[in-house]
């Protein structure tokens, strides 16, 4: 009995390397996004404090920039990677049918009209959705970090609503 992966990739395709590359891209993109957000947030959070000698004192008259401003383009890398994974992987799968296994004519003769497209597009689509889901999860994590680590006296109200007004 064939596994889901064997039925979802082109016949005879060595998919393990592709899956490893996708996972490495997901981990790297998430890590880069996390590092960039942490750097921007830490810089803005440190600006809330005044230094008196060796101690830091919170200046409650200062307000940290809105979450949307600090977030900026930190999640774009995952969205770009989602598009790239979909385009490149599906292109490679179609090319494999044409050049690699030369099975394009067989695939077109199968009773299932969409078998070729399913084998070429399903995994790239799932991979792209995983990247988008990771971006949504990181957005939630960043928001929780922002709200729980910022002193309440320095927060402007309605941060979550401001996020959705910007992206409408």
Protein backbone atom coordinates (compact mmCIF):
# COMPACT_ATOMS: atom_id res chain seq x y z
CA UNK A 1 0.00 0.00 0.00
CA UNK A 2 1.44 3.35 -1.04
CA UNK A 3 1.77 6.13 1.48
CA UNK A 4 0.20 9.56 1.12
CA UNK A 5 3.54 11.03 0.04
CA UNK A 6 4.09 8.35 -2.61
CA UNK A 7 0.66 9.13 -4.06
CA UNK A 8 1.14 12.92 -3.86
CA UNK A 9 4.49 13.29 -5.62
CA UNK A 10 5.33 12.39 -9.22
CA UNK A 11 5.90 8.65 -9.66
CA UNK A 12 9.52 7.71 -9.01
CA UNK A 13 10.37 11.16 -7.64
CA UNK A 14 12.84 11.32 -4.76
CA UNK A 15 10.85 13.60 -2.49
CA UNK A 16 12.81 13.31 0.76
CA UNK A 17 15.34 15.97 -0.26
CA UNK A 18 12.56 18.34 -1.28
CA UNK A 19 10.80 17.90 2.06
CA UNK A 20 14.08 18.58 3.91
CA UNK A 21 14.63 21.77 1.91
CA UNK A 22 11.09 22.93 2.67
CA UNK A 23 11.56 22.27 6.40
CA UNK A 24 14.92 24.05 6.42
CA UNK A 25 13.38 27.03 4.60
CA UNK A 26 10.52 27.13 7.13
CA UNK A 27 12.87 26.98 10.11
CA UNK A 28 15.28 29.54 8.64
CA UNK A 29 12.51 31.96 7.65
CA UNK A 30 10.89 31.69 11.06
CA UNK A 31 14.21 32.21 12.83
CA UNK A 32 15.08 35.26 10.71
CA UNK A 33 11.65 36.73 11.38
CA UNK A 34 12.00 36.08 15.11
CA UNK A 35 15.46 37.65 15.29
CA UNK A 36 14.33 40.73 13.36
CA UNK A 37 11.24 41.22 15.54
CA UNK A 38 13.19 40.67 18.74
CA UNK A 39 15.79 43.24 17.67
CA UNK A 40 13.20 45.89 16.77
CA UNK A 41 11.13 45.26 19.90
CA UNK A 42 14.15 45.25 22.24
CA UNK A 43 15.37 48.56 20.79
CA UNK A 44 11.97 50.21 21.30
CA UNK A 45 11.53 48.73 24.78
CA UNK A 46 14.94 49.94 25.93
CA UNK A 47 13.99 53.45 24.79
CA UNK A 48 11.32 53.47 27.51
CA UNK A 49 13.97 53.50 30.25
CA UNK A 50 16.26 56.26 31.47
CA UNK A 51 19.69 55.49 32.82
CA UNK A 52 20.68 57.02 36.16
CA UNK A 53 24.13 55.85 36.97
CA UNK A 54 24.02 52.08 36.83
CA UNK A 55 20.26 51.61 37.17
CA UNK A 56 17.47 51.82 34.62
CA UNK A 57 14.30 53.70 35.55
CA UNK A 58 11.07 53.42 33.58
CA UNK A 59 9.97 56.75 32.13
CA UNK A 60 6.18 56.41 32.31
CA UNK A 61 5.67 59.47 30.12
CA UNK A 62 7.08 57.59 27.12
CA UNK A 63 4.86 55.41 24.94
CA UNK A 64 6.18 52.47 22.94
CA UNK A 65 5.35 52.59 19.22
CA UNK A 66 2.30 50.63 18.12
CA UNK A 67 2.64 46.89 17.58
CA UNK A 68 1.97 47.37 13.86
CA UNK A 69 4.94 49.70 13.52
CA UNK A 70 7.31 47.37 15.36
CA UNK A 71 6.00 44.36 13.40
CA UNK A 72 6.55 46.13 10.08
CA UNK A 73 7.75 43.66 7.45
CA UNK A 74 9.02 40.96 9.82
CA UNK A 75 6.58 38.32 8.52
CA UNK A 76 7.07 39.04 4.81
CA UNK A 77 9.92 36.54 4.56
CA UNK A 78 7.55 33.67 5.36
CA UNK A 79 4.97 34.90 2.86
CA UNK A 80 7.63 35.26 0.16
CA UNK A 81 8.94 31.78 0.95
CA UNK A 82 5.37 30.42 0.70
CA UNK A 83 5.03 31.81 -2.81
CA UNK A 84 8.50 30.61 -3.81
CA UNK A 85 7.93 27.10 -2.48
CA UNK A 86 4.67 26.81 -4.37
CA UNK A 87 6.06 28.15 -7.65
CA UNK A 88 9.40 26.31 -7.57
CA UNK A 89 8.16 22.97 -6.27
CA UNK A 90 5.22 22.77 -8.65
CA UNK A 91 7.49 23.80 -11.54
CA UNK A 92 9.99 21.10 -10.61
CA UNK A 93 7.22 18.50 -10.40
CA UNK A 94 5.84 19.39 -13.84
CA UNK A 95 9.38 19.42 -15.29
CA UNK A 96 10.01 15.99 -13.76
CA UNK A 97 7.04 14.58 -15.66
CA UNK A 98 8.26 16.13 -18.90
CA UNK A 99 12.00 15.55 -18.60
CA UNK A 100 12.83 13.30 -15.66
CA UNK A 101 10.53 10.32 -15.93
CA UNK A 102 9.07 11.11 -19.37
CA UNK A 103 5.71 10.04 -17.97
CA UNK A 104 3.72 13.07 -19.12
CA UNK A 105 1.91 11.13 -21.84
CA UNK A 106 1.03 8.31 -19.46
CA UNK A 107 -0.26 10.78 -16.87
CA UNK A 108 -2.50 12.42 -19.45
CA UNK A 109 -4.01 9.06 -20.45
CA UNK A 110 -5.00 8.07 -16.92
CA UNK A 111 -8.74 7.92 -16.19
CA UNK A 112 -8.39 10.55 -13.46
CA UNK A 113 -8.20 13.85 -15.34
CA UNK A 114 -6.55 15.67 -12.50
CA UNK A 115 -3.99 13.05 -11.44
CA UNK A 116 -1.11 14.96 -13.05
CA UNK A 117 -2.12 18.23 -11.44
CA UNK A 118 -2.74 16.60 -8.06
CA UNK A 119 0.73 15.04 -8.08
CA UNK A 120 2.35 18.32 -9.11
CA UNK A 121 0.40 20.84 -7.00
CA UNK A 122 -0.82 19.17 -3.80
CA UNK A 123 2.41 19.12 -1.77
CA UNK A 124 3.53 22.61 -2.93
CA UNK A 125 0.10 23.94 -1.94
CA UNK A 126 0.21 22.25 1.46
CA UNK A 127 3.75 23.56 1.97
CA UNK A 128 2.70 27.12 1.12
CA UNK A 129 -0.22 26.86 3.55
CA UNK A 130 2.17 25.67 6.27
CA UNK A 131 4.34 28.76 5.69
CA UNK A 132 1.26 31.00 5.94
CA UNK A 133 0.12 29.20 9.09
CA UNK A 134 3.61 29.67 10.59
CA UNK A 135 3.39 33.40 9.80
CA UNK A 136 -0.01 33.61 11.54
CA UNK A 137 1.34 31.72 14.55
CA UNK A 138 4.38 33.99 14.75
CA UNK A 139 2.09 37.03 14.54
CA UNK A 140 0.27 35.74 17.61
CA UNK A 141 3.54 35.02 19.43
CA UNK A 142 4.87 38.49 18.62
CA UNK A 143 1.67 40.11 19.82
CA UNK A 144 1.81 38.17 23.10
CA UNK A 145 5.44 39.16 23.59
CA UNK A 146 4.59 42.80 22.87
CA UNK A 147 1.60 42.92 25.22
CA UNK A 148 3.13 40.91 28.08
CA UNK A 149 6.64 42.39 28.04
CA UNK A 150 5.78 46.07 27.64
CA UNK A 151 5.05 47.97 30.85
CA UNK A 152 1.34 48.78 30.91
CA UNK A 153 1.94 52.47 31.56
CA UNK A 154 3.79 52.71 28.22
CA UNK A 155 1.19 50.95 26.06
CA UNK A 156 -1.21 52.77 23.76
CA UNK A 157 -4.72 51.26 23.80
CA UNK A 158 -6.35 49.12 21.09
CA UNK A 159 -3.23 47.51 19.64
CA UNK A 160 -5.07 44.51 18.17
CA UNK A 161 -7.65 46.73 16.44
CA UNK A 162 -4.88 48.91 14.99
CA UNK A 163 -3.30 45.80 13.49
CA UNK A 164 -6.47 44.91 11.56
CA UNK A 165 -7.13 48.50 10.43
CA UNK A 166 -3.72 48.60 8.76
CA UNK A 167 -4.17 45.27 6.94
CA UNK A 168 -7.75 45.83 5.70
